């Protein structure tokens, strides 16, 4: 099992990756003032600090308030997190990386 410090670094890297993606993807929404529900999927339970960071960052990225936040432990991710709201989806996970590698491998063969 990862040491807490390593896990925090991994989550920080994932948060940084989400921020980079958000800067590349400018998404507009019709109901900007309505709160969105957020589902956070992760392989391991998040600390309160990690959860707070993710919620604040995601809210800033989508430029909308968040209502209910649900956390789901999902071992299918392998590692990382996925964030899904009513209108947005971001994923930084081991599953995603493996899928990208598979696609790249099959297109080269």
N, C-alpha and C. Protein backbone atom coordinates (compact mmCIF):
# COMPACT_ATOMS: atom_id res chain seq x y z
N UNK A 1 0.84 -1.18 0.00
CA UNK A 1 0.00 0.00 0.00
C UNK A 1 0.88 1.24 0.00
N UNK A 2 0.43 2.27 -0.71
CA UNK A 2 1.20 3.50 -0.80
C UNK A 2 1.29 4.17 0.56
N UNK A 3 2.40 4.86 0.75
CA UNK A 3 2.56 5.68 1.94
C UNK A 3 1.67 6.90 1.77
N UNK A 4 1.14 7.49 2.85
CA UNK A 4 0.27 8.66 2.73
C UNK A 4 0.91 9.79 1.94
N UNK A 5 2.22 10.01 2.12
CA UNK A 5 2.89 11.09 1.40
C UNK A 5 2.87 10.84 -0.11
N UNK A 6 3.12 9.59 -0.52
CA UNK A 6 3.11 9.26 -1.94
C UNK A 6 1.71 9.43 -2.51
N UNK A 7 0.69 9.03 -1.76
CA UNK A 7 -0.69 9.17 -2.21
C UNK A 7 -1.03 10.64 -2.39
N UNK A 8 -0.63 11.49 -1.45
CA UNK A 8 -0.89 12.92 -1.57
C UNK A 8 -0.23 13.49 -2.81
N UNK A 9 1.02 13.08 -3.09
CA UNK A 9 1.71 13.54 -4.30
C UNK A 9 0.98 13.08 -5.55
N UNK A 10 0.50 11.83 -5.54
CA UNK A 10 -0.24 11.32 -6.69
C UNK A 10 -1.51 12.14 -6.92
N UNK A 11 -2.24 12.42 -5.85
CA UNK A 11 -3.45 13.21 -6.01
C UNK A 11 -3.13 14.62 -6.46
N UNK A 12 -2.05 15.20 -5.98
CA UNK A 12 -1.67 16.53 -6.41
C UNK A 12 -1.35 16.54 -7.90
N UNK A 13 -0.66 15.50 -8.37
CA UNK A 13 -0.37 15.39 -9.80
C UNK A 13 -1.66 15.27 -10.60
N UNK A 14 -2.60 14.51 -10.08
CA UNK A 14 -3.87 14.33 -10.77
C UNK A 14 -4.66 15.63 -10.80
N UNK A 15 -4.63 16.36 -9.70
CA UNK A 15 -5.30 17.65 -9.65
C UNK A 15 -4.66 18.60 -10.64
N UNK A 16 -3.33 18.61 -10.71
CA UNK A 16 -2.63 19.45 -11.68
C UNK A 16 -3.02 19.09 -13.11
N UNK A 17 -3.15 17.79 -13.38
CA UNK A 17 -3.55 17.34 -14.71
C UNK A 17 -4.97 17.82 -15.04
N UNK A 18 -5.87 17.74 -14.08
CA UNK A 18 -7.23 18.23 -14.30
C UNK A 18 -7.23 19.73 -14.59
N UNK A 19 -6.40 20.47 -13.89
CA UNK A 19 -6.32 21.91 -14.12
C UNK A 19 -5.81 22.21 -15.52
N UNK A 20 -4.80 21.49 -15.98
CA UNK A 20 -4.29 21.67 -17.34
C UNK A 20 -5.38 21.41 -18.37
N UNK A 21 -6.11 20.31 -18.16
CA UNK A 21 -7.18 19.98 -19.10
C UNK A 21 -8.26 21.05 -19.12
N UNK A 22 -8.58 21.57 -17.95
CA UNK A 22 -9.64 22.56 -17.88
C UNK A 22 -9.26 23.83 -18.62
N UNK A 23 -7.98 24.17 -18.61
CA UNK A 23 -7.53 25.35 -19.31
C UNK A 23 -7.61 25.15 -20.82
N UNK A 24 -7.53 23.91 -21.26
CA UNK A 24 -7.60 23.61 -22.68
C UNK A 24 -9.05 23.51 -23.16
N UNK A 25 -9.93 23.12 -22.26
CA UNK A 25 -11.33 22.91 -22.63
C UNK A 25 -12.19 24.01 -22.00
N UNK A 26 -12.67 24.91 -22.78
CA UNK A 26 -13.56 25.95 -22.29
C UNK A 26 -14.99 25.51 -22.61
N UNK A 27 -15.72 25.17 -21.54
CA UNK A 27 -17.07 24.68 -21.71
C UNK A 27 -18.04 25.69 -21.12
N UNK A 28 -19.09 25.98 -21.86
CA UNK A 28 -20.10 26.88 -21.35
C UNK A 28 -21.34 26.09 -20.97
N UNK A 29 -22.13 26.66 -20.11
CA UNK A 29 -23.33 25.99 -19.63
C UNK A 29 -24.49 26.98 -19.62
N UNK A 30 -25.69 26.49 -19.89
CA UNK A 30 -26.87 27.36 -19.92
C UNK A 30 -27.31 27.80 -18.54
N UNK A 31 -27.11 26.98 -17.55
CA UNK A 31 -27.62 27.26 -16.21
C UNK A 31 -26.47 27.49 -15.24
N UNK A 32 -25.73 28.54 -15.46
CA UNK A 32 -24.49 28.79 -14.71
C UNK A 32 -24.70 28.96 -13.21
N UNK A 33 -25.87 29.39 -12.79
CA UNK A 33 -26.09 29.63 -11.37
C UNK A 33 -26.63 28.42 -10.63
N UNK A 34 -27.05 27.40 -11.36
CA UNK A 34 -27.61 26.22 -10.72
C UNK A 34 -26.49 25.29 -10.25
N UNK A 35 -26.56 24.84 -9.01
CA UNK A 35 -25.52 23.93 -8.52
C UNK A 35 -25.57 22.58 -9.24
N UNK A 36 -24.41 22.01 -9.43
CA UNK A 36 -24.31 20.69 -10.05
C UNK A 36 -23.95 19.66 -9.01
N UNK A 37 -24.44 18.46 -9.22
CA UNK A 37 -24.06 17.32 -8.39
C UNK A 37 -22.70 16.83 -8.88
N UNK A 38 -21.82 16.48 -7.97
CA UNK A 38 -20.49 15.97 -8.33
C UNK A 38 -20.31 14.58 -7.74
N UNK A 39 -19.85 13.66 -8.58
CA UNK A 39 -19.49 12.33 -8.11
C UNK A 39 -17.99 12.18 -8.28
N UNK A 40 -17.31 11.86 -7.19
CA UNK A 40 -15.87 11.63 -7.19
C UNK A 40 -15.65 10.13 -7.04
N UNK A 41 -14.98 9.54 -8.00
CA UNK A 41 -14.62 8.12 -7.91
C UNK A 41 -13.12 8.04 -7.69
N UNK A 42 -12.73 7.24 -6.71
CA UNK A 42 -11.31 7.04 -6.45
C UNK A 42 -11.10 5.60 -5.99
N UNK A 43 -9.88 5.15 -6.08
CA UNK A 43 -9.55 3.78 -5.69
C UNK A 43 -9.55 3.64 -4.17
N UNK A 44 -9.09 4.68 -3.50
CA UNK A 44 -9.01 4.67 -2.03
C UNK A 44 -9.80 5.87 -1.50
N UNK A 45 -10.25 5.79 -0.26
CA UNK A 45 -10.95 6.94 0.32
C UNK A 45 -10.05 8.18 0.33
N UNK A 46 -10.65 9.32 0.04
CA UNK A 46 -9.91 10.58 0.05
C UNK A 46 -9.86 11.13 1.47
N UNK A 47 -8.80 11.86 1.75
CA UNK A 47 -8.76 12.58 3.02
C UNK A 47 -9.69 13.78 2.87
N UNK A 48 -10.06 14.38 3.97
CA UNK A 48 -10.92 15.56 3.93
C UNK A 48 -10.24 16.68 3.14
N UNK A 49 -8.93 16.82 3.30
CA UNK A 49 -8.17 17.86 2.58
C UNK A 49 -8.21 17.59 1.07
N UNK A 50 -8.00 16.36 0.66
CA UNK A 50 -8.04 16.02 -0.77
C UNK A 50 -9.42 16.28 -1.35
N UNK A 51 -10.44 15.86 -0.62
CA UNK A 51 -11.82 16.05 -1.07
C UNK A 51 -12.12 17.55 -1.22
N UNK A 52 -11.73 18.34 -0.24
CA UNK A 52 -11.97 19.79 -0.29
C UNK A 52 -11.24 20.41 -1.47
N UNK A 53 -9.98 20.02 -1.69
CA UNK A 53 -9.21 20.55 -2.83
C UNK A 53 -9.89 20.22 -4.15
N UNK A 54 -10.33 18.98 -4.29
CA UNK A 54 -10.97 18.54 -5.53
C UNK A 54 -12.26 19.32 -5.76
N UNK A 55 -13.07 19.45 -4.72
CA UNK A 55 -14.35 20.15 -4.85
C UNK A 55 -14.12 21.62 -5.22
N UNK A 56 -13.20 22.28 -4.55
CA UNK A 56 -12.92 23.69 -4.85
C UNK A 56 -12.38 23.86 -6.26
N UNK A 57 -11.45 23.01 -6.65
CA UNK A 57 -10.86 23.10 -7.98
C UNK A 57 -11.90 22.82 -9.06
N UNK A 58 -12.69 21.77 -8.87
CA UNK A 58 -13.70 21.41 -9.87
C UNK A 58 -14.73 22.52 -10.02
N UNK A 59 -15.17 23.10 -8.91
CA UNK A 59 -16.13 24.19 -8.96
C UNK A 59 -15.55 25.38 -9.72
N UNK A 60 -14.27 25.68 -9.49
CA UNK A 60 -13.62 26.78 -10.21
C UNK A 60 -13.48 26.47 -11.70
N UNK A 61 -13.18 25.22 -12.01
CA UNK A 61 -13.00 24.83 -13.41
C UNK A 61 -14.30 24.99 -14.19
N UNK A 62 -15.39 24.50 -13.61
CA UNK A 62 -16.66 24.54 -14.34
C UNK A 62 -17.39 25.87 -14.16
N UNK A 63 -16.84 26.71 -13.28
CA UNK A 63 -17.39 28.04 -13.02
C UNK A 63 -18.85 27.98 -12.62
N UNK A 64 -19.15 27.00 -11.77
CA UNK A 64 -20.51 26.82 -11.25
C UNK A 64 -20.40 26.33 -9.82
N UNK A 65 -21.42 26.62 -9.03
CA UNK A 65 -21.42 26.07 -7.67
C UNK A 65 -21.74 24.58 -7.70
N UNK A 66 -21.30 23.88 -6.67
CA UNK A 66 -21.61 22.45 -6.56
C UNK A 66 -22.62 22.24 -5.45
N UNK A 67 -23.54 21.33 -5.69
CA UNK A 67 -24.52 20.95 -4.67
C UNK A 67 -24.02 19.73 -3.94
N UNK A 68 -24.71 18.63 -4.11
CA UNK A 68 -24.32 17.38 -3.46
C UNK A 68 -23.02 16.85 -4.04
N UNK A 69 -22.16 16.34 -3.16
CA UNK A 69 -20.92 15.69 -3.58
C UNK A 69 -20.94 14.27 -3.04
N UNK A 70 -20.80 13.32 -3.95
CA UNK A 70 -20.81 11.90 -3.59
C UNK A 70 -19.44 11.33 -3.87
N UNK A 71 -18.92 10.56 -2.94
CA UNK A 71 -17.63 9.90 -3.13
C UNK A 71 -17.86 8.40 -3.24
N UNK A 72 -17.33 7.80 -4.30
CA UNK A 72 -17.47 6.37 -4.54
C UNK A 72 -16.08 5.75 -4.64
N UNK A 73 -15.87 4.66 -3.93
CA UNK A 73 -14.62 3.90 -4.03
C UNK A 73 -14.80 2.94 -5.20
N UNK A 74 -13.93 3.06 -6.21
CA UNK A 74 -14.06 2.28 -7.45
C UNK A 74 -12.72 1.62 -7.79
N UNK A 75 -12.54 0.34 -7.42
CA UNK A 75 -11.27 -0.34 -7.70
C UNK A 75 -11.01 -0.53 -9.19
N UNK A 76 -12.03 -0.37 -10.04
CA UNK A 76 -11.84 -0.50 -11.49
C UNK A 76 -10.98 0.61 -12.07
N UNK A 77 -10.82 1.70 -11.35
CA UNK A 77 -9.96 2.79 -11.84
C UNK A 77 -8.49 2.40 -11.83
N UNK A 78 -8.11 1.43 -11.06
CA UNK A 78 -6.74 0.97 -10.85
C UNK A 78 -5.98 1.97 -9.98
N UNK A 79 -5.93 3.21 -10.38
CA UNK A 79 -5.37 4.30 -9.58
C UNK A 79 -5.96 5.59 -10.12
N UNK A 80 -5.92 6.63 -9.34
CA UNK A 80 -6.38 7.92 -9.81
C UNK A 80 -7.79 8.26 -9.38
N UNK A 81 -8.37 9.24 -10.08
CA UNK A 81 -9.72 9.71 -9.78
C UNK A 81 -10.47 10.00 -11.07
N UNK A 82 -11.80 9.94 -10.97
CA UNK A 82 -12.66 10.46 -12.02
C UNK A 82 -13.67 11.37 -11.36
N UNK A 83 -14.00 12.45 -12.04
CA UNK A 83 -14.94 13.44 -11.53
C UNK A 83 -16.04 13.62 -12.55
N UNK A 84 -17.28 13.45 -12.11
CA UNK A 84 -18.40 13.60 -13.03
C UNK A 84 -19.47 14.47 -12.38
N UNK A 85 -19.85 15.51 -13.11
CA UNK A 85 -20.94 16.36 -12.66
C UNK A 85 -22.06 16.23 -13.68
N UNK A 86 -23.06 17.07 -13.56
CA UNK A 86 -24.18 17.00 -14.50
C UNK A 86 -23.76 17.33 -15.93
N UNK A 87 -22.71 18.12 -16.10
CA UNK A 87 -22.33 18.53 -17.45
C UNK A 87 -20.86 18.33 -17.80
N UNK A 88 -20.06 17.79 -16.89
CA UNK A 88 -18.63 17.64 -17.13
C UNK A 88 -18.13 16.29 -16.66
N UNK A 89 -17.06 15.83 -17.31
CA UNK A 89 -16.42 14.58 -16.89
C UNK A 89 -14.92 14.73 -17.08
N UNK A 90 -14.16 14.44 -16.04
CA UNK A 90 -12.70 14.43 -16.10
C UNK A 90 -12.22 13.13 -15.48
N UNK A 91 -11.21 12.54 -16.08
CA UNK A 91 -10.66 11.31 -15.51
C UNK A 91 -9.15 11.32 -15.65
N UNK A 92 -8.50 11.01 -14.56
CA UNK A 92 -7.06 10.79 -14.54
C UNK A 92 -6.89 9.50 -13.77
N UNK A 93 -6.76 8.40 -14.53
CA UNK A 93 -6.73 7.10 -13.85
C UNK A 93 -5.81 6.13 -14.57
N UNK A 94 -5.48 5.06 -13.88
CA UNK A 94 -4.70 3.99 -14.49
C UNK A 94 -5.47 3.33 -15.61
N UNK A 95 -6.79 3.18 -15.42
CA UNK A 95 -7.63 2.58 -16.45
C UNK A 95 -7.56 3.42 -17.73
N UNK A 96 -7.66 4.72 -17.58
CA UNK A 96 -7.60 5.62 -18.73
C UNK A 96 -6.26 5.50 -19.45
N UNK A 97 -5.18 5.46 -18.69
CA UNK A 97 -3.85 5.35 -19.30
C UNK A 97 -3.69 4.04 -20.06
N UNK A 98 -4.21 2.94 -19.49
CA UNK A 98 -4.14 1.65 -20.17
C UNK A 98 -4.96 1.66 -21.46
N UNK A 99 -6.12 2.31 -21.43
CA UNK A 99 -6.94 2.40 -22.64
C UNK A 99 -6.22 3.19 -23.72
N UNK A 100 -5.56 4.28 -23.34
CA UNK A 100 -4.80 5.07 -24.31
C UNK A 100 -3.66 4.25 -24.92
N UNK A 101 -2.97 3.48 -24.06
CA UNK A 101 -1.87 2.64 -24.56
C UNK A 101 -2.40 1.58 -25.51
N UNK A 102 -3.54 1.00 -25.19
CA UNK A 102 -4.14 -0.03 -26.04
C UNK A 102 -4.49 0.56 -27.40
N UNK A 103 -5.12 1.73 -27.42
CA UNK A 103 -5.46 2.38 -28.68
C UNK A 103 -4.22 2.70 -29.50
N UNK A 104 -3.20 3.20 -28.84
CA UNK A 104 -1.96 3.54 -29.53
C UNK A 104 -1.31 2.29 -30.11
N UNK A 105 -1.28 1.23 -29.33
CA UNK A 105 -0.69 -0.03 -29.79
C UNK A 105 -1.43 -0.58 -31.00
N UNK A 106 -2.76 -0.57 -30.94
CA UNK A 106 -3.55 -1.13 -32.04
C UNK A 106 -3.48 -0.28 -33.30
N UNK A 107 -3.27 1.02 -33.17
CA UNK A 107 -3.16 1.86 -34.36
C UNK A 107 -1.79 1.73 -35.01
N UNK A 108 -0.79 1.28 -34.24
CA UNK A 108 0.56 1.12 -34.79
C UNK A 108 0.76 -0.24 -35.42
N UNK A 109 -0.07 -1.21 -35.07
CA UNK A 109 0.10 -2.58 -35.57
C UNK A 109 -0.50 -2.72 -36.93
